[in-house]
Amino acid sequence: MKRTIPTYYLMLLSVLLMLGSCNTSTTYSSVDAMVDEALLGSNPIDAESLKKLIDDGEMILLLDVREPNEFNAGYIPGGVNIPRGTLEFKIGNEAFWEAEMLYMPEKEEPIIVYCKKGKRSILAAKTLKQLGYTNIQYLDGGWKKWELTYPLIFEKNLDQMHHEDEGEVGGC
């Protein structure tokens, strides 16, 4: 006697296979592996090219994704501080931009992201792309490269600085 598989078993198997293939999460061996993967779709800009854009009066959003204590101690002129941990929540929040007295960025506007050395900004650039922003670059070498290249071109938030040093945050 010939046995046939009922149709509902085939449908159930198909649904289970489809659901199993939906798991697209990636596990990384280290944060460096995560950054390396994010680098694949990233677009760097060097400090000299960024300075030229600033000097030429180009309309760019310069996003500093360091923590506030890092930002307040020194940042690139025109930089807006949105820490990496709050980027997803603030980038599209109109109230945040109003408080900064700026317009909320359009999805196609040029945005250059930087952090201390570059790793947080690479991850931030990937996040912005995932949120639909299309014209994203990160500062290769980050704030440290800017500070070494242009040691006299920076701003500070002296009124926001704390008396005790909270140290580096994020390790990169």
N, C-alpha and C. Protein backbone atom coordinates (compact mmCIF):
# COMPACT_ATOMS: atom_id res chain seq x y z
N MET A 1 0.84 -1.16 0.00
CA MET A 1 0.00 0.00 0.00
C MET A 1 0.90 1.24 0.00
N LYS A 2 0.56 2.15 -0.84
CA LYS A 2 1.33 3.38 -1.02
C LYS A 2 0.82 4.45 -0.06
N ARG A 3 1.74 5.05 0.69
CA ARG A 3 1.37 6.11 1.64
C ARG A 3 1.68 7.46 1.02
N THR A 4 0.79 8.38 1.16
CA THR A 4 1.02 9.75 0.69
C THR A 4 1.05 10.67 1.90
N ILE A 5 1.83 11.70 1.77
CA ILE A 5 1.93 12.69 2.85
C ILE A 5 0.78 13.66 2.70
N PRO A 6 -0.01 13.81 3.74
CA PRO A 6 -1.14 14.74 3.65
C PRO A 6 -0.66 16.16 3.36
N THR A 7 -1.46 16.89 2.65
CA THR A 7 -1.14 18.26 2.23
C THR A 7 -0.85 19.17 3.42
N TYR A 8 -1.59 19.00 4.49
CA TYR A 8 -1.37 19.89 5.63
C TYR A 8 0.00 19.68 6.25
N TYR A 9 0.57 18.49 6.19
CA TYR A 9 1.93 18.28 6.69
C TYR A 9 2.95 19.02 5.81
N LEU A 10 2.72 18.99 4.52
CA LEU A 10 3.60 19.72 3.61
C LEU A 10 3.52 21.23 3.86
N MET A 11 2.31 21.72 4.09
CA MET A 11 2.15 23.15 4.36
C MET A 11 2.81 23.52 5.68
N LEU A 12 2.65 22.69 6.70
CA LEU A 12 3.26 22.95 7.99
C LEU A 12 4.79 22.96 7.87
N LEU A 13 5.33 22.02 7.14
CA LEU A 13 6.77 21.97 6.91
C LEU A 13 7.25 23.22 6.18
N SER A 14 6.50 23.67 5.20
CA SER A 14 6.86 24.88 4.46
C SER A 14 6.87 26.10 5.36
N VAL A 15 5.86 26.24 6.21
CA VAL A 15 5.79 27.37 7.13
C VAL A 15 6.96 27.34 8.11
N LEU A 16 7.28 26.17 8.64
CA LEU A 16 8.40 26.05 9.57
C LEU A 16 9.72 26.42 8.89
N LEU A 17 9.92 26.00 7.66
CA LEU A 17 11.12 26.35 6.93
C LEU A 17 11.21 27.86 6.69
N MET A 18 10.09 28.47 6.34
CA MET A 18 10.08 29.91 6.11
C MET A 18 10.39 30.67 7.40
N LEU A 19 9.78 30.26 8.51
CA LEU A 19 10.03 30.93 9.78
C LEU A 19 11.48 30.76 10.21
N GLY A 20 12.03 29.60 9.99
CA GLY A 20 13.43 29.35 10.34
C GLY A 20 14.40 30.18 9.53
N SER A 21 14.04 30.48 8.30
CA SER A 21 14.94 31.27 7.46
C SER A 21 14.83 32.76 7.73
N CYS A 22 13.86 33.18 8.52
CA CYS A 22 13.69 34.60 8.84
C CYS A 22 14.69 35.09 9.88
N ASN A 23 15.33 34.21 10.58
CA ASN A 23 16.29 34.61 11.60
C ASN A 23 17.56 35.12 10.92
N THR A 24 17.71 36.45 10.85
CA THR A 24 18.86 37.05 10.17
C THR A 24 19.83 37.68 11.16
N SER A 25 19.71 37.35 12.44
CA SER A 25 20.62 37.95 13.41
C SER A 25 22.02 37.39 13.21
N THR A 26 22.99 38.26 13.45
CA THR A 26 24.39 37.89 13.30
C THR A 26 25.05 37.96 14.66
N THR A 27 25.87 36.99 14.94
CA THR A 27 26.65 37.00 16.16
C THR A 27 28.09 37.30 15.80
N TYR A 28 28.71 38.21 16.55
CA TYR A 28 30.08 38.63 16.29
C TYR A 28 31.00 38.09 17.38
N SER A 29 32.22 37.79 17.02
CA SER A 29 33.19 37.30 17.99
C SER A 29 33.74 38.43 18.86
N SER A 30 33.66 39.66 18.36
CA SER A 30 34.15 40.82 19.12
C SER A 30 33.55 42.08 18.52
N VAL A 31 33.71 43.20 19.24
CA VAL A 31 33.24 44.48 18.71
C VAL A 31 34.03 44.84 17.44
N ASP A 32 35.30 44.46 17.40
CA ASP A 32 36.10 44.74 16.21
C ASP A 32 35.54 44.03 14.98
N ALA A 33 35.04 42.82 15.17
CA ALA A 33 34.42 42.09 14.05
C ALA A 33 33.15 42.81 13.60
N MET A 34 32.41 43.35 14.55
CA MET A 34 31.19 44.10 14.22
C MET A 34 31.54 45.36 13.44
N VAL A 35 32.58 46.07 13.88
CA VAL A 35 33.02 47.28 13.19
C VAL A 35 33.53 46.94 11.79
N ASP A 36 34.29 45.85 11.68
CA ASP A 36 34.81 45.43 10.37
C ASP A 36 33.67 45.16 9.40
N GLU A 37 32.60 44.53 9.88
CA GLU A 37 31.45 44.25 9.02
C GLU A 37 30.76 45.56 8.62
N ALA A 38 30.65 46.50 9.56
CA ALA A 38 30.02 47.79 9.27
C ALA A 38 30.85 48.61 8.29
N LEU A 39 32.16 48.42 8.31
CA LEU A 39 33.07 49.14 7.42
C LEU A 39 32.80 48.85 5.94
N LEU A 40 32.28 47.65 5.67
CA LEU A 40 32.07 47.23 4.28
C LEU A 40 31.19 48.20 3.50
N GLY A 41 30.20 48.77 4.13
CA GLY A 41 29.31 49.69 3.42
C GLY A 41 29.53 51.14 3.80
N SER A 42 30.68 51.45 4.42
CA SER A 42 30.91 52.79 4.93
C SER A 42 31.69 53.65 3.95
N ASN A 43 31.54 54.96 4.15
CA ASN A 43 32.17 55.94 3.28
C ASN A 43 32.98 56.91 4.15
N PRO A 44 34.32 56.75 4.20
CA PRO A 44 35.12 57.63 5.05
C PRO A 44 35.39 58.98 4.41
N ILE A 45 35.72 59.95 5.26
CA ILE A 45 36.22 61.24 4.82
C ILE A 45 37.41 61.56 5.73
N ASP A 46 38.47 62.12 5.17
CA ASP A 46 39.63 62.45 6.00
C ASP A 46 39.47 63.86 6.57
N ALA A 47 40.30 64.18 7.55
CA ALA A 47 40.21 65.48 8.25
C ALA A 47 40.42 66.64 7.29
N GLU A 48 41.34 66.50 6.36
CA GLU A 48 41.62 67.58 5.41
C GLU A 48 40.41 67.87 4.52
N SER A 49 39.76 66.82 4.04
CA SER A 49 38.57 67.01 3.20
C SER A 49 37.42 67.62 3.99
N LEU A 50 37.27 67.20 5.24
CA LEU A 50 36.22 67.78 6.08
C LEU A 50 36.49 69.26 6.32
N LYS A 51 37.73 69.62 6.60
CA LYS A 51 38.06 71.04 6.82
C LYS A 51 37.75 71.86 5.57
N LYS A 52 38.05 71.32 4.40
CA LYS A 52 37.75 72.02 3.15
C LYS A 52 36.25 72.24 3.01
N LEU A 53 35.45 71.23 3.32
CA LEU A 53 33.99 71.38 3.26
C LEU A 53 33.53 72.49 4.20
N ILE A 54 34.07 72.50 5.41
CA ILE A 54 33.71 73.53 6.40
C ILE A 54 34.14 74.91 5.90
N ASP A 55 35.38 75.00 5.42
CA ASP A 55 35.90 76.29 4.93
C ASP A 55 35.11 76.80 3.73
N ASP A 56 34.64 75.89 2.89
CA ASP A 56 33.86 76.26 1.70
C ASP A 56 32.41 76.58 2.03
N GLY A 57 32.02 76.43 3.29
CA GLY A 57 30.65 76.74 3.70
C GLY A 57 29.63 75.72 3.23
N GLU A 58 30.07 74.51 2.96
CA GLU A 58 29.14 73.46 2.53
C GLU A 58 28.13 73.17 3.64
N MET A 59 26.92 72.90 3.24
CA MET A 59 25.86 72.57 4.19
C MET A 59 25.96 71.08 4.54
N ILE A 60 26.53 70.79 5.70
CA ILE A 60 26.64 69.42 6.18
C ILE A 60 26.20 69.40 7.63
N LEU A 61 25.71 68.26 8.06
CA LEU A 61 25.43 68.05 9.47
C LEU A 61 26.61 67.28 10.02
N LEU A 62 27.28 67.86 10.98
CA LEU A 62 28.43 67.25 11.61
C LEU A 62 27.96 66.67 12.95
N LEU A 63 27.91 65.36 13.03
CA LEU A 63 27.34 64.67 14.17
C LEU A 63 28.44 64.04 15.01
N ASP A 64 28.55 64.47 16.25
CA ASP A 64 29.53 63.94 17.20
C ASP A 64 28.80 62.92 18.07
N VAL A 65 29.19 61.64 17.97
CA VAL A 65 28.48 60.59 18.69
C VAL A 65 29.19 60.17 19.98
N ARG A 66 30.11 61.02 20.47
CA ARG A 66 30.75 60.76 21.76
C ARG A 66 29.80 61.12 22.90
N GLU A 67 30.18 60.74 24.09
CA GLU A 67 29.39 61.08 25.27
C GLU A 67 29.53 62.57 25.56
N PRO A 68 28.56 63.18 26.25
CA PRO A 68 28.61 64.63 26.50
C PRO A 68 29.90 65.12 27.16
N ASN A 69 30.45 64.38 28.13
CA ASN A 69 31.68 64.85 28.77
C ASN A 69 32.85 64.88 27.78
N GLU A 70 32.87 63.96 26.82
CA GLU A 70 33.91 63.97 25.80
C GLU A 70 33.70 65.15 24.85
N PHE A 71 32.46 65.35 24.43
CA PHE A 71 32.10 66.42 23.52
C PHE A 71 32.41 67.79 24.13
N ASN A 72 31.99 68.01 25.37
CA ASN A 72 32.15 69.30 26.02
C ASN A 72 33.61 69.71 26.15
N ALA A 73 34.50 68.74 26.28
CA ALA A 73 35.93 69.02 26.42
C ALA A 73 36.55 69.53 25.13
N GLY A 74 35.93 69.26 24.00
CA GLY A 74 36.42 69.75 22.72
C GLY A 74 35.74 69.06 21.56
N TYR A 75 35.30 69.85 20.58
CA TYR A 75 34.61 69.29 19.42
C TYR A 75 34.88 70.14 18.19
N ILE A 76 34.63 69.55 17.04
CA ILE A 76 34.82 70.24 15.77
C ILE A 76 33.76 71.33 15.65
N PRO A 77 34.15 72.54 15.26
CA PRO A 77 33.17 73.64 15.14
C PRO A 77 31.96 73.23 14.30
N GLY A 78 30.78 73.50 14.85
CA GLY A 78 29.54 73.17 14.18
C GLY A 78 29.01 71.78 14.52
N GLY A 79 29.77 71.03 15.32
CA GLY A 79 29.35 69.67 15.68
C GLY A 79 28.12 69.67 16.57
N VAL A 80 27.24 68.70 16.36
CA VAL A 80 26.06 68.50 17.18
C VAL A 80 26.26 67.18 17.91
N ASN A 81 26.07 67.19 19.21
CA ASN A 81 26.30 66.00 20.01
C ASN A 81 25.04 65.16 20.16
N ILE A 82 25.10 63.96 19.61
CA ILE A 82 24.09 62.93 19.87
C ILE A 82 24.87 61.67 20.21
N PRO A 83 24.95 61.32 21.50
CA PRO A 83 25.71 60.13 21.86
C PRO A 83 25.22 58.89 21.11
N ARG A 84 26.16 58.02 20.81
CA ARG A 84 25.88 56.80 20.04
C ARG A 84 24.69 56.02 20.62
N GLY A 85 24.59 55.97 21.93
CA GLY A 85 23.53 55.21 22.58
C GLY A 85 22.14 55.79 22.42
N THR A 86 22.03 57.05 22.00
CA THR A 86 20.71 57.67 21.84
C THR A 86 20.44 58.09 20.39
N LEU A 87 21.33 57.75 19.50
CA LEU A 87 21.23 58.19 18.11
C LEU A 87 19.89 57.83 17.47
N GLU A 88 19.48 56.59 17.61
CA GLU A 88 18.25 56.13 16.97
C GLU A 88 17.04 56.91 17.46
N PHE A 89 17.08 57.36 18.70
CA PHE A 89 15.95 58.06 19.29
C PHE A 89 15.94 59.56 18.99
N LYS A 90 17.11 60.16 18.82
CA LYS A 90 17.18 61.61 18.66
C LYS A 90 17.24 62.08 17.21
N ILE A 91 17.80 61.27 16.31
CA ILE A 91 18.03 61.75 14.94
C ILE A 91 16.72 62.15 14.25
N GLY A 92 15.65 61.49 14.53
CA GLY A 92 14.37 61.81 13.90
C GLY A 92 13.38 62.48 14.84
N ASN A 93 13.88 63.03 15.95
CA ASN A 93 13.02 63.64 16.96
C ASN A 93 13.01 65.15 16.76
N GLU A 94 11.91 65.66 16.29
CA GLU A 94 11.79 67.09 16.00
C GLU A 94 12.03 67.96 17.23
N ALA A 95 11.58 67.52 18.40
CA ALA A 95 11.77 68.30 19.63
C ALA A 95 13.26 68.44 19.96
N PHE A 96 14.04 67.39 19.72
CA PHE A 96 15.49 67.47 19.95
C PHE A 96 16.09 68.56 19.07
N TRP A 97 15.74 68.55 17.78
CA TRP A 97 16.33 69.50 16.84
C TRP A 97 15.89 70.93 17.13
N GLU A 98 14.64 71.09 17.58
CA GLU A 98 14.18 72.42 17.97
C GLU A 98 14.97 72.94 19.16
N ALA A 99 15.27 72.06 20.12
CA ALA A 99 16.06 72.45 21.28
C ALA A 99 17.48 72.84 20.87
N GLU A 100 17.99 72.23 19.82
CA GLU A 100 19.31 72.56 19.29
C GLU A 100 19.26 73.79 18.39
N MET A 101 18.05 74.29 18.13
CA MET A 101 17.80 75.42 17.23
C MET A 101 18.28 75.11 15.81
N LEU A 102 17.99 73.89 15.38
CA LEU A 102 18.34 73.43 14.04
C LEU A 102 17.16 72.73 13.42
N TYR A 103 17.21 72.57 12.11
CA TYR A 103 16.20 71.79 11.42
C TYR A 103 16.54 70.32 11.52
N MET A 104 15.52 69.48 11.62
CA MET A 104 15.73 68.05 11.61
C MET A 104 16.27 67.65 10.24
N PRO A 105 17.31 66.83 10.16
CA PRO A 105 17.90 66.51 8.86
C PRO A 105 16.97 65.69 7.97
N GLU A 106 17.01 66.02 6.70
CA GLU A 106 16.28 65.23 5.70
C GLU A 106 17.09 63.96 5.43
N LYS A 107 16.43 62.94 4.93
CA LYS A 107 17.08 61.64 4.71
C LYS A 107 18.24 61.71 3.71
N GLU A 108 18.20 62.67 2.78
CA GLU A 108 19.25 62.73 1.75
C GLU A 108 20.33 63.78 2.04
N GLU A 109 20.20 64.50 3.14
CA GLU A 109 21.20 65.53 3.49
C GLU A 109 22.54 64.90 3.83
N PRO A 110 23.65 65.61 3.51
CA PRO A 110 24.97 65.09 3.88
C PRO A 110 25.18 65.14 5.40
N ILE A 111 25.55 63.99 5.95
CA ILE A 111 25.83 63.88 7.38
C ILE A 111 27.22 63.26 7.53
N ILE A 112 28.06 63.90 8.33
CA ILE A 112 29.37 63.35 8.64
C ILE A 112 29.39 63.06 10.13
N VAL A 113 29.69 61.81 10.46
CA VAL A 113 29.66 61.34 11.84
C VAL A 113 31.10 61.16 12.33
N TYR A 114 31.33 61.55 13.59
CA TYR A 114 32.65 61.29 14.17
C TYR A 114 32.53 60.96 15.65
N CYS A 115 33.55 60.26 16.14
CA CYS A 115 33.68 59.95 17.56
C CYS A 115 35.13 60.19 17.96
N LYS A 116 35.63 59.51 18.95
CA LYS A 116 36.99 59.77 19.40
C LYS A 116 38.02 59.28 18.38
N LYS A 117 37.92 57.99 17.98
CA LYS A 117 38.91 57.42 17.06
C LYS A 117 38.29 56.87 15.79
N GLY A 118 36.99 56.62 15.77
CA GLY A 118 36.35 56.19 14.55
C GLY A 118 35.41 55.01 14.63
N LYS A 119 35.56 54.16 15.63
CA LYS A 119 34.75 52.93 15.66
C LYS A 119 33.27 53.21 15.94
N ARG A 120 32.97 54.05 16.91
CA ARG A 120 31.56 54.38 17.19
C ARG A 120 30.92 55.06 15.99
N SER A 121 31.71 55.89 15.30
CA SER A 121 31.14 56.60 14.15
C SER A 121 30.85 55.65 13.00
N ILE A 122 31.64 54.61 12.84
CA ILE A 122 31.38 53.61 11.80
C ILE A 122 30.07 52.90 12.10
N LEU A 123 29.87 52.51 13.36
CA LEU A 123 28.61 51.87 13.74
C LEU A 123 27.44 52.84 13.63
N ALA A 124 27.67 54.10 13.98
CA ALA A 124 26.61 55.11 13.87
C ALA A 124 26.23 55.34 12.40
N ALA A 125 27.22 55.35 11.52
CA ALA A 125 26.95 55.52 10.09
C ALA A 125 26.09 54.37 9.57
N LYS A 126 26.40 53.16 10.01
CA LYS A 126 25.60 52.00 9.59
C LYS A 126 24.16 52.14 10.10
N THR A 127 24.02 52.56 11.35
CA THR A 127 22.69 52.76 11.93
C THR A 127 21.89 53.80 11.15
N LEU A 128 22.52 54.91 10.81
CA LEU A 128 21.83 55.95 10.05
C LEU A 128 21.38 55.43 8.70
N LYS A 129 22.21 54.64 8.05
CA LYS A 129 21.82 54.04 6.77
C LYS A 129 20.62 53.12 6.95
N GLN A 130 20.62 52.34 8.03
CA GLN A 130 19.49 51.45 8.31
C GLN A 130 18.22 52.24 8.57
N LEU A 131 18.37 53.47 9.05
CA LEU A 131 17.21 54.33 9.30
C LEU A 131 16.78 55.11 8.05
N GLY A 132 17.48 54.90 6.94
CA GLY A 132 17.06 55.51 5.68
C GLY A 132 17.84 56.74 5.26
N TYR A 133 18.85 57.14 6.01
CA TYR A 133 19.67 58.28 5.62
C TYR A 133 20.64 57.80 4.54
N THR A 134 20.77 58.57 3.48
CA THR A 134 21.46 58.07 2.30
C THR A 134 22.83 58.69 2.02
N ASN A 135 23.15 59.80 2.66
CA ASN A 135 24.38 60.52 2.35
C ASN A 135 25.24 60.63 3.61
N ILE A 136 25.79 59.49 4.03
CA ILE A 136 26.48 59.39 5.31
C ILE A 136 27.97 59.12 5.09
N GLN A 137 28.80 59.86 5.82
CA GLN A 137 30.23 59.59 5.86
C GLN A 137 30.67 59.59 7.32
N TYR A 138 31.81 58.95 7.58
CA TYR A 138 32.37 59.01 8.92
C TYR A 138 33.78 59.59 8.81
N LEU A 139 34.19 60.31 9.85
CA LEU A 139 35.52 60.92 9.87
C LEU A 139 36.54 59.86 10.21
N ASP A 140 37.38 59.54 9.26
CA ASP A 140 38.43 58.54 9.44
C ASP A 140 39.43 59.05 10.48
N GLY A 141 39.61 58.31 11.55
CA GLY A 141 40.50 58.73 12.63
C GLY A 141 39.81 59.54 13.72
N GLY A 142 38.58 59.98 13.45
CA GLY A 142 37.76 60.65 14.45
C GLY A 142 38.33 61.96 14.99
N TRP A 143 37.85 62.32 16.18
CA TRP A 143 38.26 63.56 16.84
C TRP A 143 39.77 63.61 17.04
N LYS A 144 40.38 62.48 17.37
CA LYS A 144 41.83 62.46 17.60
C LYS A 144 42.58 62.88 16.35
N LYS A 145 42.16 62.42 15.19
CA LYS A 145 42.82 62.81 13.94
C LYS A 145 42.61 64.30 13.69
N TRP A 146 41.40 64.80 13.92
CA TRP A 146 41.13 66.23 13.76
C TRP A 146 42.00 67.05 14.71
N GLU A 147 42.06 66.64 15.97
CA GLU A 147 42.81 67.36 16.99
C GLU A 147 44.31 67.39 16.66
N LEU A 148 44.84 66.31 16.12
CA LEU A 148 46.26 66.27 15.75
C LEU A 148 46.53 67.10 14.49
N THR A 149 45.58 67.10 13.55
CA THR A 149 45.76 67.81 12.29
C THR A 149 45.50 69.31 12.45
N TYR A 150 44.48 69.66 13.23
CA TYR A 150 44.09 71.06 13.43
C TYR A 150 43.97 71.34 14.93
N PRO A 151 45.10 71.41 15.64
CA PRO A 151 45.05 71.54 17.10
C PRO A 151 44.43 72.84 17.61
N LEU A 152 44.33 73.85 16.76
CA LEU A 152 43.77 75.13 17.20
C LEU A 152 42.34 75.36 16.72
N ILE A 153 41.79 74.40 15.99
CA ILE A 153 40.44 74.58 15.44
C ILE A 153 39.48 73.63 16.15
N PHE A 154 38.90 74.13 17.23
CA PHE A 154 37.92 73.35 17.99
C PHE A 154 37.14 74.30 18.87
N GLU A 155 36.06 73.80 19.42
CA GLU A 155 35.24 74.55 20.37
C GLU A 155 35.09 73.72 21.62
N LYS A 156 34.73 74.39 22.74
CA LYS A 156 34.47 73.73 24.02
C LYS A 156 33.16 74.25 24.58
N ASN A 157 32.52 73.44 25.39
CA ASN A 157 31.36 73.88 26.16
C ASN A 157 31.82 74.04 27.60
N LEU A 158 32.49 75.14 27.89
CA LEU A 158 33.05 75.35 29.22
C LEU A 158 31.98 75.35 30.31
N ASP A 159 30.81 75.91 30.00
CA ASP A 159 29.75 75.97 31.00
C ASP A 159 29.13 74.61 31.28
N GLN A 160 29.37 73.62 30.43
CA GLN A 160 28.81 72.29 30.61
C GLN A 160 29.82 71.29 31.16
N MET A 161 31.06 71.70 31.27
CA MET A 161 32.10 70.77 31.73
C MET A 161 31.99 70.55 33.23
N HIS A 162 32.22 69.30 33.64
CA HIS A 162 32.21 68.95 35.06
C HIS A 162 33.60 69.16 35.64
N HIS A 163 33.68 69.36 36.93
CA HIS A 163 34.98 69.56 37.56
C HIS A 163 35.77 68.27 37.66
N GLU A 164 35.09 67.16 37.85
CA GLU A 164 35.83 65.90 37.90
C GLU A 164 35.86 65.28 36.51
N ASP A 165 36.94 64.63 36.19
CA ASP A 165 37.10 63.99 34.88
C ASP A 165 36.44 62.63 34.93
N GLU A 166 35.47 62.42 34.05
CA GLU A 166 34.74 61.15 34.03
C GLU A 166 35.46 60.13 33.16
N GLY A 167 36.52 60.52 32.47
CA GLY A 167 37.28 59.58 31.68
C GLY A 167 36.63 59.25 30.35
N GLU A 168 37.29 58.39 29.65
CA GLU A 168 36.85 57.98 28.32
C GLU A 168 35.67 57.02 28.44
N VAL A 169 34.77 57.12 27.49
CA VAL A 169 33.61 56.24 27.45
C VAL A 169 33.60 55.53 26.12
N GLY A 170 33.31 54.26 26.11
CA GLY A 170 33.14 53.55 24.86
C GLY A 170 34.39 52.89 24.33
N GLY A 171 35.55 53.21 24.84
CA GLY A 171 36.76 52.54 24.47
C GLY A 171 37.26 52.79 23.06
N CYS A 172 36.61 53.66 22.32
CA CYS A 172 37.10 53.91 20.97
C CYS A 172 36.89 55.35 20.57
